[in-house]
């Protein structure tokens, strides 16, 4: 999923907002996917590598949502009133 957001960011036109929206939506999807996983809440045995991947995935998802919404707010502030 982060590859989709990276593709959107690279292909996005600086004047359009679809790259920021795509990054935000993919980040929300990552957060929802990780939080809905039973291993996140200890409901099944977790391999050591997954103990590292859960916080890392949450951090990446949060960073993507933050970056996307920040860019959308910048674009909204730049619009003429």
PDB file of N, CA and C in Angstrom:
ATOM      1  N   UNK A   1       0.809  -1.202   0.000  1.00  0.00           N
ATOM      2  CA  UNK A   1       0.000   0.000   0.000  1.00  0.00           C
ATOM      3  C   UNK A   1       0.851   1.265   0.000  1.00  0.00           C
ATOM      4  N   UNK A   2       1.943   1.304   0.742  1.00  0.00           N
ATOM      5  CA  UNK A   2       2.771   2.506   0.645  1.00  0.00           C
ATOM      6  C   UNK A   2       3.321   2.735  -0.759  1.00  0.00           C
ATOM      7  N   UNK A   3       3.491   1.653  -1.533  1.00  0.00           N
ATOM      8  CA  UNK A   3       3.961   1.819  -2.908  1.00  0.00           C
ATOM      9  C   UNK A   3       2.931   2.575  -3.747  1.00  0.00           C
ATOM     10  N   UNK A   4       1.644   2.355  -3.494  1.00  0.00           N
ATOM     11  CA  UNK A   4       0.597   3.098  -4.201  1.00  0.00           C
ATOM     12  C   UNK A   4       0.683   4.584  -3.868  1.00  0.00           C
ATOM     13  N   UNK A   5       0.879   4.897  -2.600  1.00  0.00           N
ATOM     14  CA  UNK A   5       0.992   6.294  -2.197  1.00  0.00           C
ATOM     15  C   UNK A   5       2.241   6.932  -2.787  1.00  0.00           C
ATOM     16  N   UNK A   6       3.340   6.181  -2.839  1.00  0.00           N
ATOM     17  CA  UNK A   6       4.569   6.712  -3.436  1.00  0.00           C
ATOM     18  C   UNK A   6       4.366   6.976  -4.918  1.00  0.00           C
ATOM     19  N   UNK A   7       3.692   6.058  -5.612  1.00  0.00           N
ATOM     20  CA  UNK A   7       3.402   6.255  -7.027  1.00  0.00           C
ATOM     21  C   UNK A   7       2.551   7.513  -7.220  1.00  0.00           C
ATOM     22  N   UNK A   8       1.546   7.697  -6.364  1.00  0.00           N
ATOM     23  CA  UNK A   8       0.684   8.875  -6.476  1.00  0.00           C
ATOM     24  C   UNK A   8       1.473  10.147  -6.228  1.00  0.00           C
ATOM     25  N   UNK A   9       2.379  10.122  -5.266  1.00  0.00           N
ATOM     26  CA  UNK A   9       3.169  11.310  -4.960  1.00  0.00           C
ATOM     27  C   UNK A   9       4.119  11.657  -6.104  1.00  0.00           C
ATOM     28  N   UNK A  10       4.696  10.635  -6.730  1.00  0.00           N
ATOM     29  CA  UNK A  10       5.623  10.889  -7.838  1.00  0.00           C
ATOM     30  C   UNK A  10       4.875  11.354  -9.077  1.00  0.00           C
ATOM     31  N   UNK A  11       3.712  10.777  -9.349  1.00  0.00           N
ATOM     32  CA  UNK A  11       2.957  11.109 -10.554  1.00  0.00           C
ATOM     33  C   UNK A  11       2.079  12.342 -10.405  1.00  0.00           C
ATOM     34  N   UNK A  12       1.882  12.787  -9.187  1.00  0.00           N
ATOM     35  CA  UNK A  12       0.952  13.886  -8.945  1.00  0.00           C
ATOM     36  C   UNK A  12       1.450  15.224  -9.459  1.00  0.00           C
ATOM     37  N   UNK A  13       0.541  15.974  -9.991  1.00  0.00           N
ATOM     38  CA  UNK A  13       0.824  17.337 -10.421  1.00  0.00           C
ATOM     39  C   UNK A  13       0.846  18.229  -9.171  1.00  0.00           C
ATOM     40  N   UNK A  14       1.828  19.120  -9.041  1.00  0.00           N
ATOM     41  CA  UNK A  14       1.875  19.957  -7.838  1.00  0.00           C
ATOM     42  C   UNK A  14       0.601  20.773  -7.591  1.00  0.00           C
ATOM     43  N   UNK A  15      -0.145  21.071  -8.623  1.00  0.00           N
ATOM     44  CA  UNK A  15      -1.359  21.856  -8.464  1.00  0.00           C
ATOM     45  C   UNK A  15      -2.591  21.042  -8.108  1.00  0.00           C
ATOM     46  N   UNK A  16      -2.525  19.717  -8.267  1.00  0.00           N
ATOM     47  CA  UNK A  16      -3.699  18.889  -7.987  1.00  0.00           C
ATOM     48  C   UNK A  16      -3.644  18.338  -6.566  1.00  0.00           C
ATOM     49  N   UNK A  17      -4.793  17.898  -6.101  1.00  0.00           N
ATOM     50  CA  UNK A  17      -4.841  17.373  -4.732  1.00  0.00           C
ATOM     51  C   UNK A  17      -5.048  15.866  -4.679  1.00  0.00           C
ATOM     52  N   UNK A  18      -5.067  15.176  -5.815  1.00  0.00           N
ATOM     53  CA  UNK A  18      -5.343  13.749  -5.791  1.00  0.00           C
ATOM     54  C   UNK A  18      -4.207  12.960  -5.159  1.00  0.00           C
ATOM     55  N   UNK A  19      -2.963  13.409  -5.282  1.00  0.00           N
ATOM     56  CA  UNK A  19      -1.854  12.690  -4.644  1.00  0.00           C
ATOM     57  C   UNK A  19      -1.972  12.775  -3.124  1.00  0.00           C
ATOM     58  N   UNK A  20      -2.330  13.954  -2.616  1.00  0.00           N
ATOM     59  CA  UNK A  20      -2.499  14.111  -1.166  1.00  0.00           C
ATOM     60  C   UNK A  20      -3.683  13.292  -0.667  1.00  0.00           C
ATOM     61  N   UNK A  21      -4.756  13.280  -1.430  1.00  0.00           N
ATOM     62  CA  UNK A  21      -5.922  12.472  -1.039  1.00  0.00           C
ATOM     63  C   UNK A  21      -5.588  10.982  -1.061  1.00  0.00           C
ATOM     64  N   UNK A  22      -4.868  10.537  -2.096  1.00  0.00           N
ATOM     65  CA  UNK A  22      -4.488   9.127  -2.196  1.00  0.00           C
ATOM     66  C   UNK A  22      -3.597   8.728  -1.029  1.00  0.00           C
ATOM     67  N   UNK A  23      -2.628   9.559  -0.693  1.00  0.00           N
ATOM     68  CA  UNK A  23      -1.733   9.269   0.423  1.00  0.00           C
ATOM     69  C   UNK A  23      -2.507   9.182   1.734  1.00  0.00           C
ATOM     70  N   UNK A  24      -3.452  10.087   1.928  1.00  0.00           N
ATOM     71  CA  UNK A  24      -4.266  10.075   3.150  1.00  0.00           C
ATOM     72  C   UNK A  24      -5.123   8.817   3.219  1.00  0.00           C
ATOM     73  N   UNK A  25      -5.770   8.462   2.127  1.00  0.00           N
ATOM     74  CA  UNK A  25      -6.652   7.295   2.108  1.00  0.00           C
ATOM     75  C   UNK A  25      -5.857   6.006   2.312  1.00  0.00           C
ATOM     76  N   UNK A  26      -4.702   5.901   1.673  1.00  0.00           N
ATOM     77  CA  UNK A  26      -3.876   4.705   1.848  1.00  0.00           C
ATOM     78  C   UNK A  26      -3.374   4.618   3.294  1.00  0.00           C
ATOM     79  N   UNK A  27      -3.003   5.747   3.885  1.00  0.00           N
ATOM     80  CA  UNK A  27      -2.579   5.753   5.283  1.00  0.00           C
ATOM     81  C   UNK A  27      -3.687   5.324   6.225  1.00  0.00           C
ATOM     82  N   UNK A  28      -4.903   5.799   5.978  1.00  0.00           N
ATOM     83  CA  UNK A  28      -6.048   5.383   6.798  1.00  0.00           C
ATOM     84  C   UNK A  28      -6.297   3.886   6.630  1.00  0.00           C
ATOM     85  N   UNK A  29      -6.169   3.398   5.398  1.00  0.00           N
ATOM     86  CA  UNK A  29      -6.332   1.965   5.157  1.00  0.00           C
ATOM     87  C   UNK A  29      -5.273   1.137   5.877  1.00  0.00           C
ATOM     88  N   UNK A  30      -4.048   1.620   5.910  1.00  0.00           N
ATOM     89  CA  UNK A  30      -2.992   0.913   6.639  1.00  0.00           C
ATOM     90  C   UNK A  30      -3.311   0.861   8.131  1.00  0.00           C
ATOM     91  N   UNK A  31      -3.707   1.992   8.691  1.00  0.00           N
ATOM     92  CA  UNK A  31      -4.030   2.035  10.118  1.00  0.00           C
ATOM     93  C   UNK A  31      -5.198   1.098  10.440  1.00  0.00           C
ATOM     94  N   UNK A  32      -6.231   1.137   9.618  1.00  0.00           N
ATOM     95  CA  UNK A  32      -7.390   0.276   9.856  1.00  0.00           C
ATOM     96  C   UNK A  32      -7.010  -1.198   9.728  1.00  0.00           C
ATOM     97  N   UNK A  33      -6.190  -1.528   8.752  1.00  0.00           N
ATOM     98  CA  UNK A  33      -5.778  -2.911   8.558  1.00  0.00           C
ATOM     99  C   UNK A  33      -4.942  -3.437   9.711  1.00  0.00           C
ATOM    100  N   UNK A  34      -4.023  -2.630  10.185  1.00  0.00           N
ATOM    101  CA  UNK A  34      -3.169  -3.069  11.289  1.00  0.00           C
ATOM    102  C   UNK A  34      -3.972  -3.161  12.579  1.00  0.00           C
ATOM    103  N   UNK A  35      -4.842  -2.192  12.824  1.00  0.00           N
ATOM    104  CA  UNK A  35      -5.616  -2.206  14.061  1.00  0.00           C
ATOM    105  C   UNK A  35      -6.674  -3.306  14.087  1.00  0.00           C
ATOM    106  N   UNK A  36      -7.111  -3.763  12.924  1.00  0.00           N
ATOM    107  CA  UNK A  36      -8.115  -4.831  12.889  1.00  0.00           C
ATOM    108  C   UNK A  36      -7.489  -6.226  12.913  1.00  0.00           C
ATOM    109  N   UNK A  37      -6.185  -6.300  12.828  1.00  0.00           N
ATOM    110  CA  UNK A  37      -5.490  -7.590  12.833  1.00  0.00           C
ATOM    111  C   UNK A  37      -5.477  -8.175  14.249  1.00  0.00           C
ATOM    112  N   UNK A  38      -5.952  -9.423  14.415  1.00  0.00           N
ATOM    113  CA  UNK A  38      -5.989 -10.033  15.756  1.00  0.00           C
ATOM    114  C   UNK A  38      -4.616 -10.131  16.422  1.00  0.00           C
ATOM    115  N   UNK A  39      -3.562 -10.294  15.640  1.00  0.00           N
ATOM    116  CA  UNK A  39      -2.223 -10.400  16.237  1.00  0.00           C
ATOM    117  C   UNK A  39      -1.799  -9.090  16.894  1.00  0.00           C
ATOM    118  N   UNK A  40      -2.350  -7.972  16.428  1.00  0.00           N
ATOM    119  CA  UNK A  40      -2.023  -6.678  17.031  1.00  0.00           C
ATOM    120  C   UNK A  40      -2.453  -6.642  18.488  1.00  0.00           C
ATOM    121  N   UNK A  41      -3.554  -7.263  18.790  1.00  0.00           N
ATOM    122  CA  UNK A  41      -4.112  -7.225  20.143  1.00  0.00           C
ATOM    123  C   UNK A  41      -3.739  -8.448  20.961  1.00  0.00           C
ATOM    124  N   UNK A  42      -2.837  -9.296  20.460  1.00  0.00           N
ATOM    125  CA  UNK A  42      -2.368 -10.447  21.209  1.00  0.00           C
ATOM    126  C   UNK A  42      -3.347 -11.609  21.241  1.00  0.00           C
ATOM    127  N   UNK A  43      -4.235 -11.686  20.274  1.00  0.00           N
ATOM    128  CA  UNK A  43      -5.220 -12.770  20.256  1.00  0.00           C
ATOM    129  C   UNK A  43      -4.675 -14.038  19.614  1.00  0.00           C
ATOM    130  N   UNK A  44      -3.514 -13.953  19.013  1.00  0.00           N
ATOM    131  CA  UNK A  44      -2.845 -15.150  18.515  1.00  0.00           C
ATOM    132  C   UNK A  44      -1.345 -14.971  18.696  1.00  0.00           C
ATOM    133  N   UNK A  45      -0.597 -16.062  18.642  1.00  0.00           N
ATOM    134  CA  UNK A  45       0.856 -15.959  18.846  1.00  0.00           C
ATOM    135  C   UNK A  45       1.498 -15.060  17.790  1.00  0.00           C
ATOM    136  N   UNK A  46       2.428 -14.267  18.237  1.00  0.00           N
ATOM    137  CA  UNK A  46       3.064 -13.296  17.348  1.00  0.00           C
ATOM    138  C   UNK A  46       4.545 -13.643  17.195  1.00  0.00           C
ATOM    139  N   UNK A  47       4.993 -13.830  15.947  1.00  0.00           N
ATOM    140  CA  UNK A  47       6.429 -14.037  15.735  1.00  0.00           C
ATOM    141  C   UNK A  47       7.205 -12.764  16.090  1.00  0.00           C
ATOM    142  N   UNK A  48       8.474 -12.887  16.424  1.00  0.00           N
ATOM    143  CA  UNK A  48       9.255 -11.713  16.822  1.00  0.00           C
ATOM    144  C   UNK A  48       9.279 -10.607  15.765  1.00  0.00           C
ATOM    145  N   UNK A  49       9.325 -10.974  14.493  1.00  0.00           N
ATOM    146  CA  UNK A  49       9.385  -9.952  13.444  1.00  0.00           C
ATOM    147  C   UNK A  49       8.096  -9.132  13.389  1.00  0.00           C
ATOM    148  N   UNK A  50       6.968  -9.766  13.697  1.00  0.00           N
ATOM    149  CA  UNK A  50       5.712  -9.019  13.665  1.00  0.00           C
ATOM    150  C   UNK A  50       5.620  -8.029  14.822  1.00  0.00           C
ATOM    151  N   UNK A  51       6.273  -8.330  15.935  1.00  0.00           N
ATOM    152  CA  UNK A  51       6.297  -7.376  17.050  1.00  0.00           C
ATOM    153  C   UNK A  51       6.963  -6.076  16.640  1.00  0.00           C
ATOM    154  N   UNK A  52       7.875  -6.145  15.691  1.00  0.00           N
ATOM    155  CA  UNK A  52       8.535  -4.944  15.174  1.00  0.00           C
ATOM    156  C   UNK A  52       7.666  -4.287  14.099  1.00  0.00           C
ATOM    157  N   UNK A  53       7.025  -5.099  13.276  1.00  0.00           N
ATOM    158  CA  UNK A  53       6.258  -4.578  12.148  1.00  0.00           C
ATOM    159  C   UNK A  53       5.003  -3.814  12.556  1.00  0.00           C
ATOM    160  N   UNK A  54       4.363  -4.199  13.649  1.00  0.00           N
ATOM    161  CA  UNK A  54       3.121  -3.528  14.050  1.00  0.00           C
ATOM    162  C   UNK A  54       3.371  -2.057  14.383  1.00  0.00           C
ATOM    163  N   UNK A  55       4.293  -1.724  15.298  1.00  0.00           N
ATOM    164  CA  UNK A  55       4.519  -0.297  15.568  1.00  0.00           C
ATOM    165  C   UNK A  55       5.073   0.454  14.366  1.00  0.00           C
ATOM    166  N   UNK A  56       5.902  -0.224  13.567  1.00  0.00           N
ATOM    167  CA  UNK A  56       6.447   0.413  12.372  1.00  0.00           C
ATOM    168  C   UNK A  56       5.341   0.737  11.376  1.00  0.00           C
ATOM    169  N   UNK A  57       4.439  -0.205  11.157  1.00  0.00           N
ATOM    170  CA  UNK A  57       3.308   0.027  10.246  1.00  0.00           C
ATOM    171  C   UNK A  57       2.385   1.123  10.748  1.00  0.00           C
ATOM    172  N   UNK A  58       2.147   1.157  12.055  1.00  0.00           N
ATOM    173  CA  UNK A  58       1.317   2.225  12.624  1.00  0.00           C
ATOM    174  C   UNK A  58       1.981   3.590  12.429  1.00  0.00           C
ATOM    175  N   UNK A  59       3.288   3.637  12.626  1.00  0.00           N
ATOM    176  CA  UNK A  59       4.010   4.906  12.443  1.00  0.00           C
ATOM    177  C   UNK A  59       3.979   5.355  10.985  1.00  0.00           C
ATOM    178  N   UNK A  60       4.160   4.425  10.063  1.00  0.00           N
ATOM    179  CA  UNK A  60       4.131   4.775   8.639  1.00  0.00           C
ATOM    180  C   UNK A  60       2.735   5.234   8.236  1.00  0.00           C
ATOM    181  N   UNK A  61       1.708   4.517   8.680  1.00  0.00           N
ATOM    182  CA  UNK A  61       0.338   4.916   8.364  1.00  0.00           C
ATOM    183  C   UNK A  61       0.010   6.295   8.921  1.00  0.00           C
ATOM    184  N   UNK A  62       0.417   6.552  10.162  1.00  0.00           N
ATOM    185  CA  UNK A  62       0.169   7.864  10.766  1.00  0.00           C
ATOM    186  C   UNK A  62       0.926   8.963  10.030  1.00  0.00           C
ATOM    187  N   UNK A  63       2.148   8.673   9.611  1.00  0.00           N
ATOM    188  CA  UNK A  63       2.927   9.669   8.859  1.00  0.00           C
ATOM    189  C   UNK A  63       2.278   9.966   7.508  1.00  0.00           C
ATOM    190  N   UNK A  64       1.738   8.933   6.857  1.00  0.00           N
ATOM    191  CA  UNK A  64       1.078   9.146   5.571  1.00  0.00           C
ATOM    192  C   UNK A  64      -0.181   9.985   5.728  1.00  0.00           C
ATOM    193  N   UNK A  65      -0.973   9.691   6.751  1.00  0.00           N
ATOM    194  CA  UNK A  65      -2.182  10.483   6.999  1.00  0.00           C
ATOM    195  C   UNK A  65      -1.796  11.925   7.327  1.00  0.00           C
ATOM    196  N   UNK A  66      -0.790  12.094   8.148  1.00  0.00           N
ATOM    197  CA  UNK A  66      -0.348  13.438   8.530  1.00  0.00           C
ATOM    198  C   UNK A  66       0.154  14.228   7.320  1.00  0.00           C
ATOM    199  N   UNK A  67       0.978  13.592   6.486  1.00  0.00           N
ATOM    200  CA  UNK A  67       1.514  14.284   5.309  1.00  0.00           C
ATOM    201  C   UNK A  67       0.406  14.649   4.326  1.00  0.00           C
ATOM    202  N   UNK A  68      -0.516  13.723   4.105  1.00  0.00           N
ATOM    203  CA  UNK A  68      -1.612  13.993   3.166  1.00  0.00           C
ATOM    204  C   UNK A  68      -2.522  15.103   3.642  1.00  0.00           C
ATOM    205  N   UNK A  69      -2.907  15.060   4.911  1.00  0.00           N
ATOM    206  CA  UNK A  69      -3.798  16.108   5.420  1.00  0.00           C
ATOM    207  C   UNK A  69      -3.081  17.451   5.519  1.00  0.00           C
ATOM    208  N   UNK A  70      -1.784  17.418   5.816  1.00  0.00           N
ATOM    209  CA  UNK A  70      -1.024  18.675   5.856  1.00  0.00           C
ATOM    210  C   UNK A  70      -1.018  19.338   4.480  1.00  0.00           C
ATOM    211  N   UNK A  71      -0.776  18.535   3.451  1.00  0.00           N
ATOM    212  CA  UNK A  71      -0.757  19.081   2.085  1.00  0.00           C
ATOM    213  C   UNK A  71      -2.142  19.586   1.668  1.00  0.00           C
ATOM    214  N   UNK A  72      -3.189  18.878   2.039  1.00  0.00           N
ATOM    215  CA  UNK A  72      -4.548  19.328   1.710  1.00  0.00           C
ATOM    216  C   UNK A  72      -4.855  20.642   2.410  1.00  0.00           C
ATOM    217  N   UNK A  73      -4.420  20.780   3.673  1.00  0.00           N
ATOM    218  CA  UNK A  73      -4.629  22.050   4.379  1.00  0.00           C
ATOM    219  C   UNK A  73      -3.848  23.189   3.744  1.00  0.00           C
ATOM    220  N   UNK A  74      -2.624  22.901   3.277  1.00  0.00           N
ATOM    221  CA  UNK A  74      -1.850  23.928   2.587  1.00  0.00           C
ATOM    222  C   UNK A  74      -2.548  24.390   1.320  1.00  0.00           C
ATOM    223  N   UNK A  75      -3.081  23.446   0.577  1.00  0.00           N
ATOM    224  CA  UNK A  75      -3.768  23.802  -0.661  1.00  0.00           C
ATOM    225  C   UNK A  75      -5.043  24.556  -0.377  1.00  0.00           C
ATOM    226  N   UNK A  76      -5.765  24.205   0.677  1.00  0.00           N
ATOM    227  CA  UNK A  76      -7.005  24.913   1.023  1.00  0.00           C
ATOM    228  C   UNK A  76      -6.700  26.333   1.457  1.00  0.00           C
ATOM    229  N   UNK A  77      -5.596  26.531   2.162  1.00  0.00           N
ATOM    230  CA  UNK A  77      -5.235  27.874   2.618  1.00  0.00           C
ATOM    231  C   UNK A  77      -4.788  28.758   1.454  1.00  0.00           C
ATOM    232  N   UNK A  78      -4.280  28.143   0.401  1.00  0.00           N
ATOM    233  CA  UNK A  78      -3.796  28.922  -0.751  1.00  0.00           C
ATOM    234  C   UNK A  78      -4.906  29.313  -1.713  1.00  0.00           C
ATOM    235  N   UNK A  79      -6.101  28.745  -1.543  1.00  0.00           N
ATOM    236  CA  UNK A  79      -7.210  29.082  -2.437  1.00  0.00           C
ATOM    237  C   UNK A  79      -7.662  30.524  -2.203  1.00  0.00           C
ATOM    238  N   UNK A  80      -7.978  31.237  -3.276  1.00  0.00           N
ATOM    239  CA  UNK A  80      -8.474  32.606  -3.101  1.00  0.00           C
ATOM    240  C   UNK A  80      -9.868  32.602  -2.494  1.00  0.00           C
ATOM    241  N   UNK A  81     -10.123  33.579  -1.672  1.00  0.00           N
ATOM    242  CA  UNK A  81     -11.418  33.662  -0.973  1.00  0.00           C
ATOM    243  C   UNK A  81     -12.417  34.401  -1.808  1.00  0.00           C
TER     244      UNK A  81
END
